[in-house]
Amino acid sequence: GGNLDRKLIYSRFKAVKSFRPTGDDRDNIVFTCCAFSGDGNFLMAGTSIGDMKMYNVSSGDETTYQLHESSVTNIQPSRDNKLVLTSSSWRQPYSKLWSVGEFLDEKCSFAEDEYVEFSKLVQDKLIGTRTEGVATVYDMHTGKLVRTLRPRYYNDYHFNRACFDPTDELILCDGVLWDYRMQKEIHKFDKLNQNLSGVFHPSGLEIISNTEVWDIRTFHLQRTVPQLDQCRIVFNTAGNIIFGLQLEQEYDDEPKFETSFRTFDCSDYSSIATIEVKKSVIGLCPQWDDMSIGVVEQGSNDAIESVVRLYDVGRSRDTEEDQEDGGEEEEEEGDDDGFTDDDDDDDDDDMQDDDGNDSLFGSNSDSNDNWGFDGSGDEDEEEYNMEDDDFDAGEEEQDNDETADDQDNVEHVDNMEDNDNIQDNGDHDSNDDNWEDIEVEEIPFQED
């Protein structure tokens, strides 16, 4: 039952709000990533110029913070909403730790770590990713480096990101599995793709690397999921759904992102749905309660329009929205910060259902009383029925007259035939009484 519920819920997404950059330089800003705050009240979006836009989800108010000198590639707030980690694409320091208050204050910087994230179970540590498959671990309270994990042989994945397992006891970096407590290299997985190094399954028993699923207990290849090929994986907060985002691909010597994202069931890796958004999907983040997701979308190269769109999970899009091809691109700026009024649509649907039922039940007085109609149209209905009765009566009279005429014609024809027979037998009489007698008597055929 739970699997069916998940398949139903995570096959439906409805866009409810859009966030676009404002200001004089809004045409030059492109969103690169997004994340919800720990309390879910704010949506943080990184930009290509090193800024972070923070939007109030309820009011749509925007606040801008200058974080890096290059494009922001990752944003991760802590669960208690007191700290934020950010990473950039180039120019040191690559990553920074910020304290959240009335303003964002830089608490610590990580010059050589291209990517940083919090530990999973207890967010008291940070893990960083460096070149040549090196992973670093920092104590968040002191900001000091406590581990440097350097493999004997590294795989050199293009999108390598070191991460903890759900228990914070194991570390995966560049396809190499480490024991954090003993600082020991446990196993190096075979490299079967060039881009994705892998992530831990929320259960902690498997590692997903591109299409391959590895069993941590035996280090054997457990299964392959072809639909996850070249997909960056994002888990929902509950850890039972996988969001798959296609990496940037080369089409006709031009890099492009897919205009859709996919959902998978974590229990069996079965595909749930492919959600088409008609724009390139750059990033995705789930809200802490899994009721909404934020999606970074970007238009075509001819008319670049970058937007972070908020989707409600488990709600179907309206039919009118499905029929509008790219209708969101023509939205006015005044509607960007407002939720769509879905309640009115629901009321209209209910009214349409009522009308449909009325037509099915007919227009008699009993059905009208049952469906709450007043008696304002009864007189007109009576007049209409009376006219119909008169019309029907006239038609009956006309039909009776025509029937009588037809009967007279038939009798006349019969009489003429009988008259011919009488003339042939030589017993013709001109009296009317004889005609009546002829009608009832049978005249035997006489041979000449």
Protein backbone atom coordinates (compact mmCIF):
# COMPACT_ATOMS: atom_id res chain seq x y z
CA GLY A 1 0.00 0.00 0.00
CA GLY A 2 2.80 2.40 0.84
CA ASN A 3 4.50 1.85 -2.50
CA LEU A 4 1.29 2.57 -4.38
CA ASP A 5 0.74 5.73 -2.34
CA ARG A 6 4.25 6.95 -3.15
CA LYS A 7 3.79 6.19 -6.83
CA LEU A 8 0.57 8.16 -6.89
CA ILE A 9 1.88 11.12 -4.90
CA TYR A 10 5.23 11.51 -6.63
CA SER A 11 3.77 11.32 -10.11
CA ARG A 12 1.90 14.60 -9.63
CA PHE A 13 3.43 18.04 -9.29
CA LYS A 14 1.72 21.40 -9.59
CA ALA A 15 3.56 24.71 -10.00
CA VAL A 16 2.28 27.18 -7.42
CA LYS A 17 4.85 29.97 -7.31
CA SER A 18 7.81 31.35 -9.22
CA PHE A 19 10.82 33.34 -8.02
CA ARG A 20 12.72 35.52 -10.49
CA PRO A 21 15.66 37.86 -9.88
CA THR A 22 14.88 41.54 -9.55
CA GLY A 23 16.99 44.68 -9.85
CA ASP A 24 18.88 46.36 -12.66
CA ASP A 25 21.08 43.33 -13.36
CA ARG A 26 18.25 40.79 -13.40
CA ASP A 27 18.77 40.06 -17.10
CA ASN A 28 22.34 38.92 -16.41
CA ILE A 29 21.53 36.68 -13.43
CA VAL A 30 21.16 32.95 -13.90
CA PHE A 31 20.18 30.68 -11.02
CA THR A 32 22.49 27.71 -10.51
CA CYS A 33 21.22 25.87 -7.41
CA CYS A 34 18.62 26.11 -4.64
CA ALA A 35 17.87 24.91 -1.10
CA PHE A 36 15.17 25.42 1.53
CA SER A 37 16.05 26.80 4.93
CA GLY A 38 15.89 24.47 7.91
CA ASP A 39 12.45 25.79 8.94
CA GLY A 40 11.15 25.83 5.36
CA ASN A 41 10.24 29.54 5.47
CA PHE A 42 12.93 30.67 3.03
CA LEU A 43 14.17 29.49 -0.35
CA MET A 44 17.87 30.13 -1.08
CA ALA A 45 19.05 30.31 -4.68
CA GLY A 46 22.66 30.60 -5.86
CA THR A 47 23.49 32.67 -8.94
CA SER A 48 26.10 32.69 -11.67
CA ILE A 49 27.67 35.93 -10.35
CA GLY A 50 28.37 34.61 -6.84
CA ASP A 51 25.26 35.99 -5.11
CA MET A 52 22.65 34.17 -3.08
CA LYS A 53 19.02 35.24 -3.36
CA MET A 54 16.94 34.48 -0.26
CA TYR A 55 13.18 34.51 -0.84
CA ASN A 56 10.46 34.49 1.76
CA VAL A 57 8.25 31.61 0.62
CA SER A 58 5.05 33.24 1.93
CA SER A 59 5.52 36.87 0.89
CA GLY A 60 8.06 36.53 -1.90
CA ASP A 61 10.35 39.19 -0.41
CA GLU A 62 13.89 39.00 -1.80
CA THR A 63 17.21 39.55 -0.01
CA THR A 64 20.57 39.39 -1.78
CA TYR A 65 23.88 38.32 -0.23
CA GLN A 66 27.29 38.49 -1.90
CA LEU A 67 29.04 35.18 -1.12
CA HIS A 68 31.65 34.34 -3.76
CA GLU A 69 33.42 35.85 -6.72
CA SER A 70 32.31 33.07 -9.06
CA SER A 71 29.24 30.98 -9.74
CA VAL A 72 27.65 29.35 -6.67
CA THR A 73 27.45 25.59 -7.23
CA ASN A 74 26.00 24.37 -3.93
CA ILE A 75 24.02 25.68 -0.93
CA GLN A 76 23.23 23.60 2.15
CA PRO A 77 21.69 25.03 5.34
CA SER A 78 21.92 23.15 8.63
CA ARG A 79 18.85 21.51 10.11
CA ASP A 80 18.77 23.97 13.02
CA ASN A 81 18.86 26.86 10.53
CA LYS A 82 21.88 28.48 12.18
CA LEU A 83 24.55 27.73 9.56
CA VAL A 84 24.84 27.66 5.78
CA LEU A 85 27.48 25.99 3.61
CA THR A 86 28.22 27.35 0.13
CA SER A 87 30.60 26.29 -2.65
CA SER A 88 31.72 28.01 -5.85
CA SER A 89 33.16 26.89 -9.17
CA TRP A 90 36.54 28.65 -9.18
CA ARG A 91 38.75 31.21 -7.41
CA GLN A 92 39.76 30.41 -3.86
CA PRO A 93 38.38 30.03 -1.32
CA TYR A 94 36.10 27.57 -3.04
CA SER A 95 33.80 26.94 -0.03
CA LYS A 96 32.62 28.88 3.01
CA LEU A 97 30.65 28.39 6.21
CA TRP A 98 28.21 31.16 7.18
CA SER A 99 26.35 31.88 10.40
CA VAL A 100 22.73 32.91 9.95
CA GLY A 101 21.38 35.87 11.89
CA GLU A 102 20.12 39.26 10.89
CA PHE A 103 22.85 39.05 8.25
CA LEU A 104 25.05 36.27 6.90
CA ASP A 105 28.45 36.36 8.60
CA GLU A 106 31.38 34.36 7.26
CA LYS A 107 32.46 31.95 9.97
CA CYS A 108 35.07 29.86 8.16
CA SER A 109 36.48 29.38 4.66
CA PHE A 110 37.89 26.29 2.94
CA ALA A 111 40.37 27.35 0.31
CA GLU A 112 41.01 24.02 -1.45
CA ASP A 113 37.71 22.21 -0.88
CA GLU A 114 35.65 22.41 -4.06
CA TYR A 115 32.58 21.01 -2.34
CA VAL A 116 31.53 20.72 1.32
CA GLU A 117 28.51 19.25 3.10
CA PHE A 118 27.34 18.44 6.63
CA SER A 119 27.56 15.00 8.21
CA LYS A 120 24.28 13.06 8.12
CA LEU A 121 23.40 11.72 11.58
CA VAL A 122 24.71 14.53 13.79
CA GLN A 123 25.72 17.70 12.00
CA ASP A 124 28.86 18.23 14.04
CA LYS A 125 31.31 17.61 11.19
CA LEU A 126 31.93 18.87 7.66
CA ILE A 127 33.32 16.82 4.82
CA GLY A 128 35.14 18.45 1.92
CA THR A 129 36.17 17.28 -1.55
CA ARG A 130 39.53 18.09 -3.10
CA THR A 131 41.28 17.07 -6.28
CA GLU A 132 42.88 13.65 -6.81
CA GLY A 133 40.17 11.91 -4.77
CA VAL A 134 41.14 13.51 -1.43
CA ALA A 135 38.46 13.87 1.26
CA THR A 136 38.79 16.18 4.28
CA VAL A 137 36.81 16.23 7.53
CA TYR A 138 36.47 19.30 9.76
CA ASP A 139 35.18 19.71 13.30
CA MET A 140 32.36 22.20 13.04
CA HIS A 141 32.78 23.55 16.57
CA THR A 142 36.48 24.34 16.27
CA GLY A 143 36.75 24.65 12.49
CA LYS A 144 39.92 22.51 12.54
CA LEU A 145 40.86 19.83 10.05
CA VAL A 146 40.61 16.42 11.79
CA ARG A 147 40.91 13.96 8.87
CA THR A 148 42.65 13.90 5.49
CA LEU A 149 41.79 10.78 3.51
CA ARG A 150 44.08 10.30 0.52
CA PRO A 151 43.61 7.11 -1.56
CA ARG A 152 46.43 5.08 -3.05
CA TYR A 153 44.64 5.06 -6.41
CA TYR A 154 41.84 7.41 -7.34
CA ASN A 155 39.24 7.23 -10.09
CA ASP A 156 39.16 10.91 -11.04
CA TYR A 157 35.41 11.22 -11.55
CA HIS A 158 34.32 14.48 -13.17
CA PHE A 159 31.60 15.13 -10.55
CA ASN A 160 33.18 13.70 -7.43
CA ARG A 161 31.53 14.67 -4.13
CA ALA A 162 32.65 13.16 -0.84
CA CYS A 163 29.84 12.23 1.56
CA PHE A 164 29.10 10.45 4.86
CA ASP A 165 26.85 7.43 5.15
CA PRO A 166 23.65 7.74 7.29
CA THR A 167 25.56 6.61 10.43
CA ASP A 168 28.55 8.98 9.92
CA GLU A 169 30.88 5.96 10.21
CA LEU A 170 31.68 5.46 6.49
CA ILE A 171 32.84 7.90 3.84
CA LEU A 172 32.63 7.59 0.06
CA CYS A 173 34.92 9.73 -2.08
CA ASP A 174 35.86 9.20 -5.74
CA GLY A 175 34.61 5.62 -5.69
CA VAL A 176 36.68 4.68 -2.60
CA LEU A 177 35.01 3.55 0.64
CA TRP A 178 36.62 4.67 3.92
CA ASP A 179 36.16 3.87 7.61
CA TYR A 180 36.07 7.29 9.30
CA ARG A 181 36.91 5.98 12.78
CA MET A 182 40.02 4.02 11.72
CA GLN A 183 41.02 6.30 8.81
CA LYS A 184 41.31 3.14 6.74
CA GLU A 185 40.60 2.56 3.05
CA ILE A 186 38.12 -0.33 2.91
CA HIS A 187 37.35 -0.90 -0.77
CA LYS A 188 37.73 0.71 -4.18
CA PHE A 189 34.73 0.15 -6.46
CA ASP A 190 35.15 -0.47 -10.17
CA LYS A 191 34.84 2.64 -12.30
CA LEU A 192 32.06 2.02 -14.83
CA ASN A 193 31.34 5.64 -15.78
CA GLN A 194 33.31 8.87 -16.07
CA ASN A 195 31.10 11.35 -14.25
CA LEU A 196 29.36 10.22 -11.05
CA SER A 197 31.33 8.82 -8.10
CA GLY A 198 28.28 7.63 -6.15
CA VAL A 199 26.13 8.32 -3.10
CA PHE A 200 24.91 6.27 -0.15
CA HIS A 201 21.39 4.89 -0.21
CA PRO A 202 19.37 6.22 2.78
CA SER A 203 19.23 2.68 4.15
CA GLY A 204 23.03 2.70 4.44
CA LEU A 205 23.36 -0.73 2.79
CA GLU A 206 23.94 0.28 -0.82
CA ILE A 207 25.92 2.73 -2.93
CA ILE A 208 24.41 4.15 -6.10
CA SER A 209 26.95 5.14 -8.75
CA ASN A 210 25.30 6.16 -12.01
CA THR A 211 23.34 3.04 -13.10
CA GLU A 212 25.15 0.64 -10.74
CA VAL A 213 23.92 -0.32 -7.27
CA TRP A 214 26.65 -1.85 -5.07
CA ASP A 215 26.10 -3.88 -1.91
CA ILE A 216 28.30 -2.47 0.88
CA ARG A 217 28.35 -5.75 2.79
CA THR A 218 29.72 -7.86 -0.06
CA PHE A 219 31.04 -5.13 -2.43
CA HIS A 220 29.23 -6.97 -5.24
CA LEU A 221 27.19 -5.35 -7.99
CA GLN A 222 23.63 -5.89 -6.82
CA ARG A 223 21.69 -4.48 -9.77
CA THR A 224 21.73 -1.90 -12.55
CA VAL A 225 19.13 0.81 -13.14
CA PRO A 226 19.43 2.00 -16.77
CA GLN A 227 16.99 4.89 -16.17
CA LEU A 228 19.53 6.51 -13.80
CA ASP A 229 22.18 6.82 -16.48
CA GLN A 230 23.95 10.20 -16.16
CA CYS A 231 21.45 11.33 -13.52
CA ARG A 232 22.43 13.38 -10.50
CA ILE A 233 20.56 11.96 -7.51
CA VAL A 234 18.63 13.93 -4.89
CA PHE A 235 16.74 12.12 -2.10
CA ASN A 236 13.64 13.47 -0.43
CA THR A 237 13.75 14.11 3.32
CA ALA A 238 12.02 10.84 4.21
CA GLY A 239 14.57 8.91 2.15
CA ASN A 240 12.03 6.87 0.16
CA ILE A 241 12.06 8.78 -3.15
CA ILE A 242 14.86 9.46 -5.64
CA PHE A 243 14.79 12.55 -7.85
CA GLY A 244 16.92 12.07 -10.98
CA LEU A 245 18.32 15.11 -12.82
CA GLN A 246 20.16 14.60 -16.08
CA LEU A 247 23.67 16.03 -16.24
CA GLU A 248 24.53 18.57 -18.87
CA GLN A 249 24.79 16.82 -22.23
CA GLU A 250 26.34 17.78 -25.55
CA TYR A 251 23.82 18.07 -28.39
CA ASP A 252 25.13 19.30 -31.77
CA ASP A 253 28.26 20.69 -30.08
CA GLU A 254 26.05 22.68 -27.71
CA PRO A 255 25.67 21.87 -24.00
CA LYS A 256 22.07 21.44 -22.89
CA PHE A 257 20.13 20.18 -19.89
CA GLU A 258 17.07 17.98 -20.06
CA THR A 259 13.69 19.70 -19.69
CA SER A 260 12.38 17.12 -17.22
CA PHE A 261 13.20 15.29 -14.02
CA ARG A 262 12.38 11.76 -12.92
CA THR A 263 11.15 10.14 -9.74
CA PHE A 264 12.03 6.64 -8.51
CA ASP A 265 10.98 4.46 -5.59
CA CYS A 266 13.92 3.91 -3.24
CA SER A 267 12.72 0.49 -2.15
CA ASP A 268 13.02 -1.22 -5.54
CA TYR A 269 14.39 1.52 -7.86
CA SER A 270 11.26 1.34 -9.99
CA SER A 271 10.54 4.36 -12.14
CA ILE A 272 7.52 6.38 -11.00
CA ALA A 273 7.19 9.27 -13.45
CA THR A 274 8.98 11.68 -15.77
CA ILE A 275 7.86 15.26 -15.12
CA GLU A 276 8.16 17.58 -18.10
CA VAL A 277 8.62 21.28 -17.24
CA LYS A 278 9.39 22.59 -20.79
CA LYS A 279 12.58 24.29 -19.52
CA SER A 280 16.07 23.07 -18.75
CA VAL A 281 16.24 21.65 -15.22
CA ILE A 282 19.43 22.90 -13.51
CA GLY A 283 18.78 21.92 -9.89
CA LEU A 284 16.20 20.59 -7.44
CA CYS A 285 15.68 20.63 -3.69
CA PRO A 286 12.93 19.10 -1.46
CA GLN A 287 11.35 20.91 1.48
CA TRP A 288 11.92 19.43 4.93
CA ASP A 289 8.33 18.13 5.14
CA ASP A 290 8.37 16.79 1.55
CA MET A 291 5.24 18.78 0.73
CA SER A 292 6.98 20.94 -1.89
CA ILE A 293 10.06 21.00 -4.07
CA GLY A 294 12.01 23.85 -5.63
CA VAL A 295 13.25 23.45 -9.20
CA VAL A 296 15.79 25.70 -10.94
CA GLU A 297 14.60 26.15 -14.52
CA GLN A 298 16.20 27.96 -17.41
CA GLY A 299 14.83 28.95 -20.81
CA SER A 300 16.40 28.53 -24.23
CA ASN A 301 19.58 30.24 -25.36
CA ASP A 302 17.65 32.68 -27.53
CA ALA A 303 15.65 34.02 -24.59
CA ILE A 304 17.40 33.03 -21.38
CA GLU A 305 14.97 33.22 -18.49
CA SER A 306 16.08 31.81 -15.15
CA VAL A 307 13.50 31.01 -12.49
CA VAL A 308 13.14 28.96 -9.33
CA ARG A 309 9.70 27.40 -9.40
CA LEU A 310 7.91 25.99 -6.37
CA TYR A 311 5.89 22.79 -6.93
CA ASP A 312 3.36 21.18 -4.63
CA VAL A 313 3.88 17.43 -4.37
CA GLY A 314 0.87 15.19 -5.01
CA ARG A 315 -1.26 17.78 -6.83
CA SER A 316 -2.15 17.46 -10.50
CA ARG A 317 -1.78 20.30 -12.91
CA ASP A 318 -4.95 21.88 -14.30
CA THR A 319 -6.02 20.89 -17.77
CA GLU A 320 -5.73 24.49 -18.90
CA GLU A 321 -2.12 24.59 -17.71
CA ASP A 322 -1.33 21.43 -19.67
CA GLN A 323 -2.83 22.95 -22.81
CA GLU A 324 -0.81 26.15 -22.48
CA ASP A 325 2.55 25.46 -24.11
CA GLY A 326 5.07 27.57 -22.30
CA GLY A 327 2.41 29.78 -20.77
CA GLU A 328 4.57 30.52 -17.76
CA GLU A 329 7.03 32.36 -19.98
CA GLU A 330 4.39 35.03 -20.61
CA GLU A 331 3.57 35.65 -16.96
CA GLU A 332 3.56 39.23 -15.82
CA GLU A 333 6.00 40.34 -13.17
CA GLY A 334 3.14 41.22 -10.87
CA ASP A 335 2.11 37.56 -10.72
CA ASP A 336 5.60 36.19 -10.06
CA ASP A 337 5.40 36.53 -6.28
CA GLY A 338 1.80 35.38 -5.86
CA PHE A 339 0.39 31.89 -5.37
CA THR A 340 -2.09 30.69 -7.94
CA ASP A 341 -5.62 30.46 -6.56
CA ASP A 342 -6.34 26.76 -6.82
CA ASP A 343 -9.44 26.90 -4.63
CA ASP A 344 -11.40 28.74 -7.33
CA ASP A 345 -10.47 26.08 -9.82
CA ASP A 346 -11.69 23.39 -7.45
CA ASP A 347 -14.99 25.24 -6.97
CA ASP A 348 -15.43 25.50 -10.72
CA ASP A 349 -14.80 21.80 -11.05
CA ASP A 350 -17.42 21.09 -8.40
CA MET A 351 -19.90 23.31 -10.20
CA GLN A 352 -19.23 21.52 -13.45
CA ASP A 353 -19.81 18.20 -11.74
CA ASP A 354 -23.13 19.45 -10.36
CA ASP A 355 -24.24 20.64 -13.79
CA GLY A 356 -23.28 17.33 -15.28
CA ASN A 357 -25.28 15.44 -12.68
CA ASP A 358 -28.29 17.70 -13.26
CA SER A 359 -28.28 16.88 -16.94
CA LEU A 360 -28.03 13.20 -16.12
CA PHE A 361 -30.90 13.23 -13.64
CA GLY A 362 -33.17 15.20 -16.00
CA SER A 363 -35.16 18.41 -15.49
CA ASN A 364 -38.21 17.10 -13.61
CA SER A 365 -39.39 18.74 -10.42
CA ASP A 366 -38.14 15.97 -8.12
CA SER A 367 -34.58 16.22 -9.36
CA ASN A 368 -34.73 20.03 -9.18
CA ASP A 369 -35.84 19.89 -5.55
CA ASN A 370 -33.08 17.44 -4.72
CA TRP A 371 -30.37 19.63 -6.29
CA GLY A 372 -31.55 22.82 -4.56
CA PHE A 373 -33.30 24.67 -7.39
CA ASP A 374 -35.88 27.29 -6.43
CA GLY A 375 -39.27 27.59 -8.10
CA SER A 376 -38.46 30.66 -10.14
CA GLY A 377 -38.80 28.85 -13.48
CA ASP A 378 -41.96 26.78 -12.77
CA GLU A 379 -44.44 29.09 -14.58
CA ASP A 380 -42.39 29.15 -17.73
CA GLU A 381 -42.00 25.41 -17.52
CA GLU A 382 -45.81 24.96 -17.18
CA GLU A 383 -46.45 27.22 -20.17
CA TYR A 384 -43.90 25.29 -22.13
CA ASN A 385 -45.52 21.96 -21.15
CA MET A 386 -49.03 23.30 -21.98
CA GLU A 387 -47.86 24.41 -25.37
CA ASP A 388 -46.37 21.02 -25.88
CA ASP A 389 -49.68 19.35 -24.87
CA ASP A 390 -51.66 21.54 -27.31
CA PHE A 391 -49.19 20.80 -30.02
CA ASP A 392 -49.43 17.07 -29.32
CA ALA A 393 -53.26 17.21 -29.28
CA GLY A 394 -53.29 19.00 -32.64
CA GLU A 395 -51.02 16.41 -34.05
CA GLU A 396 -53.32 13.62 -32.78
CA GLU A 397 -56.42 15.26 -34.37
CA GLN A 398 -54.63 15.67 -37.65
CA ASP A 399 -53.49 12.05 -37.55
CA ASN A 400 -57.07 10.87 -36.81
CA ASP A 401 -58.45 12.88 -39.75
CA GLU A 402 -55.82 11.50 -42.06
CA THR A 403 -56.61 7.97 -40.86
CA ALA A 404 -60.33 8.44 -41.47
CA ASP A 405 -59.71 9.75 -44.99
CA ASP A 406 -57.46 6.80 -45.70
CA GLN A 407 -60.17 4.41 -44.54
CA ASP A 408 -62.78 6.11 -46.77
CA ASN A 409 -60.44 5.83 -49.73
CA VAL A 410 -59.88 2.16 -49.02
CA GLU A 411 -63.66 1.49 -48.78
CA HIS A 412 -64.19 3.42 -52.00
CA VAL A 413 -61.62 1.32 -53.79
CA ASP A 414 -63.12 -1.89 -52.41
CA ASN A 415 -66.59 -0.83 -53.53
CA MET A 416 -65.30 -0.12 -57.00
CA GLU A 417 -63.75 -3.57 -57.19
CA ASP A 418 -67.00 -5.18 -55.98
CA ASN A 419 -68.95 -3.15 -58.51
CA ASP A 420 -66.77 -4.52 -61.28
CA ASN A 421 -67.42 -8.05 -60.08
CA ILE A 422 -71.21 -7.44 -60.06
CA GLN A 423 -71.12 -6.09 -63.57
CA ASP A 424 -69.29 -9.19 -64.70
CA ASN A 425 -72.02 -11.42 -63.13
CA GLY A 426 -74.91 -9.39 -64.46
CA ASP A 427 -76.50 -8.69 -61.07
CA HIS A 428 -75.97 -4.92 -60.91
CA ASP A 429 -78.44 -2.86 -58.78
CA SER A 430 -78.30 0.92 -58.36
CA ASN A 431 -79.79 1.08 -54.82
CA ASP A 432 -77.64 2.01 -51.85
CA ASP A 433 -79.02 -0.87 -49.82
CA ASN A 434 -77.71 -3.31 -52.37
CA TRP A 435 -74.20 -1.83 -51.85
CA GLU A 436 -74.50 -2.57 -48.15
CA ASP A 437 -75.64 -6.11 -48.87
CA ILE A 438 -72.78 -6.61 -51.27
CA GLU A 439 -70.35 -5.60 -48.58
CA VAL A 440 -71.44 -8.43 -46.27
CA GLU A 441 -72.35 -11.15 -48.77
CA GLU A 442 -69.87 -13.48 -50.41
CA ILE A 443 -70.43 -13.96 -54.13
CA PRO A 444 -69.30 -17.35 -55.34
CA PHE A 445 -67.26 -17.55 -58.46
CA GLN A 446 -69.32 -18.86 -61.38
CA GLU A 447 -67.69 -20.49 -64.34
CA ASP A 448 -69.01 -19.52 -67.73
